[in-house]
Structures are given as C-alpha cells and as structure tokens.
Amino acid sequence: QVQLVESGGGLVQAGGSLRLSCKASGRGFTGYYVGWFRQAPGKAREFVATISGSGISTSYADSVRGRFAISRDNAKNTVYLQMDSLKSEDTAVYYCAARGTYSTYSVDYNYWGQGTQVTVSS
C-alpha cells in the first residue's frame, strides 16, 4: 500500500509556471506507475500525465503535451509535474495517483492523494 501527498499548487498568472510534487510513503514505490489527474469545477476528472516506475516511460494528454513535464526521483519517493506556459483552462484541483500498471483512466488507479488547487489567472 502507498500513501500520496500533493503539494505545490497555488495562484499563478497565465503564462507562468508551477511545479507540483507528489510525495509517497509506503513500500515498493518504484513498482508503481504514478499519474497526475485534474478536475475543474463541474467537470469530470481528466488524465494529465503518467510515468512508469523506472521513470523511463511517460505519457501526456494532448492538452498539456509540450507544456507539462512529469518526472520522478525514486530516492526521494517523489513524482513531479512541471507546468509551464499555464493557461486559464489549466485551473483545477490536481491529484496524483498510483497503480501497478500503465493506464490513463482514473478508475483504474488504486491510491490517491488529497489534491492541490492550481488557479491560473488571465
């Protein structure tokens, strides 16, 4: 089992940057894919990015590809989401989640953090 805690959210102007962190506790972190998802008010939770346990494989939603970068430091049990060129439509609560195999579907993920708010002002 793994526990996840997100941090790094906040208020930023359009065009700015933020880096989110997802700190994991528990055993076997390197065996988990970690995904970032987001949910805006009145909308369904959507996939943002995911990274393999080794960090070699990554995948992104079309809406963020080229602007966001996911990475991980397994020595620190932490996954990061670097968000650049932020737009107002990126405003949402961002969640990290973990599972044993690759998926871009939120329903497939077993473990979730509590979320961190990202607000982009235009």
C-alpha atoms as a PDB file:
ATOM      1  CA  GLN A   1       0.000   0.000   0.000  1.00  0.00           C
ATOM      2  CA  VAL A   2       1.147   3.550  -0.697  1.00  0.00           C
ATOM      3  CA  GLN A   3       0.067   6.917   0.650  1.00  0.00           C
ATOM      4  CA  LEU A   4       0.333  10.037  -1.521  1.00  0.00           C
ATOM      5  CA  VAL A   5       0.508  13.722  -0.605  1.00  0.00           C
ATOM      6  CA  GLU A   6       0.489  16.501  -3.192  1.00  0.00           C
ATOM      7  CA  SER A   7       1.956  19.967  -2.762  1.00  0.00           C
ATOM      8  CA  GLY A   8       2.989  22.958  -4.824  1.00  0.00           C
ATOM      9  CA  GLY A   9      -0.335  24.298  -6.007  1.00  0.00           C
ATOM     10  CA  GLY A  10      -1.209  27.959  -5.912  1.00  0.00           C
ATOM     11  CA  LEU A  11      -2.235  31.042  -7.845  1.00  0.00           C
ATOM     12  CA  VAL A  12      -0.247  31.992 -10.939  1.00  0.00           C
ATOM     13  CA  GLN A  13      -0.735  34.316 -13.886  1.00  0.00           C
ATOM     14  CA  ALA A  14      -1.316  32.958 -17.355  1.00  0.00           C
ATOM     15  CA  GLY A  15       1.991  32.139 -18.994  1.00  0.00           C
ATOM     16  CA  GLY A  16       3.601  31.353 -15.667  1.00  0.00           C
ATOM     17  CA  SER A  17       4.897  28.121 -14.189  1.00  0.00           C
ATOM     18  CA  LEU A  18       4.319  25.868 -11.206  1.00  0.00           C
ATOM     19  CA  ARG A  19       5.868  22.606 -10.055  1.00  0.00           C
ATOM     20  CA  LEU A  20       3.680  20.115  -8.263  1.00  0.00           C
ATOM     21  CA  SER A  21       5.108  17.385  -6.056  1.00  0.00           C
ATOM     22  CA  CYS A  22       3.621  14.045  -5.085  1.00  0.00           C
ATOM     23  CA  LYS A  23       5.358  12.522  -2.072  1.00  0.00           C
ATOM     24  CA  ALA A  24       4.771   8.830  -1.472  1.00  0.00           C
ATOM     25  CA  SER A  25       5.150   6.772   1.665  1.00  0.00           C
ATOM     26  CA  GLY A  26       4.915   3.032   1.951  1.00  0.00           C
ATOM     27  CA  ARG A  27       6.745   0.150   0.367  1.00  0.00           C
ATOM     28  CA  GLY A  28       7.548  -0.576  -3.241  1.00  0.00           C
ATOM     29  CA  PHE A  29       7.206   2.896  -4.704  1.00  0.00           C
ATOM     30  CA  THR A  30       9.399   2.056  -7.671  1.00  0.00           C
ATOM     31  CA  GLY A  31       6.919  -0.603  -8.702  1.00  0.00           C
ATOM     32  CA  TYR A  32       4.118   1.890  -9.272  1.00  0.00           C
ATOM     33  CA  TYR A  33       3.099   3.958 -12.215  1.00  0.00           C
ATOM     34  CA  VAL A  34       2.143   7.418 -10.955  1.00  0.00           C
ATOM     35  CA  GLY A  35      -0.364   9.561 -12.765  1.00  0.00           C
ATOM     36  CA  TRP A  36      -1.493  13.142 -12.474  1.00  0.00           C
ATOM     37  CA  PHE A  37      -5.157  13.933 -12.978  1.00  0.00           C
ATOM     38  CA  ARG A  38      -7.122  17.146 -12.642  1.00  0.00           C
ATOM     39  CA  GLN A  39     -10.695  18.140 -12.006  1.00  0.00           C
ATOM     40  CA  ALA A  40     -12.179  21.539 -12.720  1.00  0.00           C
ATOM     41  CA  PRO A  41     -15.483  22.652 -11.154  1.00  0.00           C
ATOM     42  CA  GLY A  42     -18.427  20.975 -12.851  1.00  0.00           C
ATOM     43  CA  LYS A  43     -16.200  18.759 -14.978  1.00  0.00           C
ATOM     44  CA  ALA A  44     -15.103  15.154 -14.858  1.00  0.00           C
ATOM     45  CA  ARG A  45     -11.670  14.202 -13.601  1.00  0.00           C
ATOM     46  CA  GLU A  46      -9.268  14.037 -16.538  1.00  0.00           C
ATOM     47  CA  PHE A  47      -5.902  12.473 -17.222  1.00  0.00           C
ATOM     48  CA  VAL A  48      -2.885  14.779 -17.376  1.00  0.00           C
ATOM     49  CA  ALA A  49       0.258  12.637 -17.391  1.00  0.00           C
ATOM     50  CA  THR A  50       1.700   9.388 -16.151  1.00  0.00           C
ATOM     51  CA  ILE A  51       5.170   7.961 -15.556  1.00  0.00           C
ATOM     52  CA  SER A  52       6.465   4.423 -15.164  1.00  0.00           C
ATOM     53  CA  GLY A  53       8.146   3.156 -12.033  1.00  0.00           C
ATOM     54  CA  SER A  54      11.586   3.497 -13.576  1.00  0.00           C
ATOM     55  CA  GLY A  55      10.791   6.937 -14.965  1.00  0.00           C
ATOM     56  CA  ILE A  56      11.694   5.871 -18.488  1.00  0.00           C
ATOM     57  CA  SER A  57       8.171   5.860 -19.926  1.00  0.00           C
ATOM     58  CA  THR A  58       5.879   8.878 -19.836  1.00  0.00           C
ATOM     59  CA  SER A  59       2.555   9.757 -21.405  1.00  0.00           C
ATOM     60  CA  TYR A  60       0.666  13.043 -21.672  1.00  0.00           C
ATOM     61  CA  ALA A  61      -2.774  14.326 -22.510  1.00  0.00           C
ATOM     62  CA  ASP A  62      -2.846  16.244 -25.782  1.00  0.00           C
ATOM     63  CA  SER A  63      -3.939  19.368 -23.935  1.00  0.00           C
ATOM     64  CA  VAL A  64      -0.699  19.557 -21.923  1.00  0.00           C
ATOM     65  CA  ARG A  65       1.889  17.900 -24.165  1.00  0.00           C
ATOM     66  CA  GLY A  66       4.798  20.258 -24.756  1.00  0.00           C
ATOM     67  CA  ARG A  67       3.875  22.440 -21.757  1.00  0.00           C
ATOM     68  CA  PHE A  68       3.939  19.983 -18.836  1.00  0.00           C
ATOM     69  CA  ALA A  69       6.673  17.524 -17.870  1.00  0.00           C
ATOM     70  CA  ILE A  70       6.359  14.619 -15.455  1.00  0.00           C
ATOM     71  CA  SER A  71       9.408  13.202 -13.687  1.00  0.00           C
ATOM     72  CA  ARG A  72      10.266  11.211 -10.596  1.00  0.00           C
ATOM     73  CA  ASP A  73      13.037  10.884  -8.047  1.00  0.00           C
ATOM     74  CA  ASN A  74      12.743   7.401  -6.588  1.00  0.00           C
ATOM     75  CA  ALA A  75      15.399   8.139  -3.982  1.00  0.00           C
ATOM     76  CA  LYS A  76      13.005  10.743  -2.588  1.00  0.00           C
ATOM     77  CA  ASN A  77       9.810   8.771  -3.298  1.00  0.00           C
ATOM     78  CA  THR A  78       8.542  11.810  -5.168  1.00  0.00           C
ATOM     79  CA  VAL A  79       6.940  12.474  -8.538  1.00  0.00           C
ATOM     80  CA  TYR A  80       6.899  15.969 -10.019  1.00  0.00           C
ATOM     81  CA  LEU A  81       4.738  17.760 -12.539  1.00  0.00           C
ATOM     82  CA  GLN A  82       6.440  20.804 -14.042  1.00  0.00           C
ATOM     83  CA  MET A  83       3.786  23.034 -15.569  1.00  0.00           C
ATOM     84  CA  ASP A  84       4.897  25.815 -17.927  1.00  0.00           C
ATOM     85  CA  SER A  85       3.004  28.240 -20.168  1.00  0.00           C
ATOM     86  CA  LEU A  86      -0.034  27.864 -17.950  1.00  0.00           C
ATOM     87  CA  LYS A  87      -3.444  28.810 -19.290  1.00  0.00           C
ATOM     88  CA  SER A  88      -6.669  29.700 -17.523  1.00  0.00           C
ATOM     89  CA  GLU A  89      -8.117  26.379 -18.658  1.00  0.00           C
ATOM     90  CA  ASP A  90      -5.471  24.586 -16.577  1.00  0.00           C
ATOM     91  CA  THR A  91      -7.258  25.776 -13.436  1.00  0.00           C
ATOM     92  CA  ALA A  92      -8.316  22.694 -11.456  1.00  0.00           C
ATOM     93  CA  VAL A  93      -7.596  20.541  -8.445  1.00  0.00           C
ATOM     94  CA  TYR A  94      -4.654  18.344  -9.347  1.00  0.00           C
ATOM     95  CA  TYR A  95      -4.386  14.829  -7.940  1.00  0.00           C
ATOM     96  CA  CYS A  96      -1.652  12.248  -8.089  1.00  0.00           C
ATOM     97  CA  ALA A  97      -2.491   8.574  -8.093  1.00  0.00           C
ATOM     98  CA  ALA A  98      -0.658   5.256  -8.236  1.00  0.00           C
ATOM     99  CA  ARG A  99      -1.196   1.820  -9.687  1.00  0.00           C
ATOM    100  CA  GLY A 100       0.879  -1.155 -10.691  1.00  0.00           C
ATOM    101  CA  THR A 101       0.469  -0.965 -14.470  1.00  0.00           C
ATOM    102  CA  TYR A 102       0.007   1.661 -17.177  1.00  0.00           C
ATOM    103  CA  SER A 103      -3.352   3.386 -17.512  1.00  0.00           C
ATOM    104  CA  THR A 104      -4.742   6.808 -18.373  1.00  0.00           C
ATOM    105  CA  TYR A 105      -8.121   6.072 -16.785  1.00  0.00           C
ATOM    106  CA  SER A 106      -8.721   7.408 -13.290  1.00  0.00           C
ATOM    107  CA  VAL A 107     -10.976   4.485 -12.368  1.00  0.00           C
ATOM    108  CA  ASP A 108      -8.008   2.143 -12.732  1.00  0.00           C
ATOM    109  CA  TYR A 109      -5.927   3.856 -10.057  1.00  0.00           C
ATOM    110  CA  ASN A 110      -5.890   2.363  -6.577  1.00  0.00           C
ATOM    111  CA  TYR A 111      -4.247   5.046  -4.484  1.00  0.00           C
ATOM    112  CA  TRP A 112      -4.945   8.791  -4.471  1.00  0.00           C
ATOM    113  CA  GLY A 113      -3.687  11.917  -2.822  1.00  0.00           C
ATOM    114  CA  GLN A 114      -5.945  14.616  -1.419  1.00  0.00           C
ATOM    115  CA  GLY A 115      -5.353  17.073  -4.263  1.00  0.00           C
ATOM    116  CA  THR A 116      -3.811  20.513  -4.611  1.00  0.00           C
ATOM    117  CA  GLN A 117      -5.506  23.564  -6.126  1.00  0.00           C
ATOM    118  CA  VAL A 118      -3.987  25.270  -9.159  1.00  0.00           C
ATOM    119  CA  THR A 119      -5.533  28.565 -10.214  1.00  0.00           C
ATOM    120  CA  VAL A 120      -4.359  30.385 -13.335  1.00  0.00           C
ATOM    121  CA  SER A 121      -5.494  33.979 -13.671  1.00  0.00           C
ATOM    122  CA  SER A 122      -5.872  35.510 -17.105  1.00  0.00           C
END
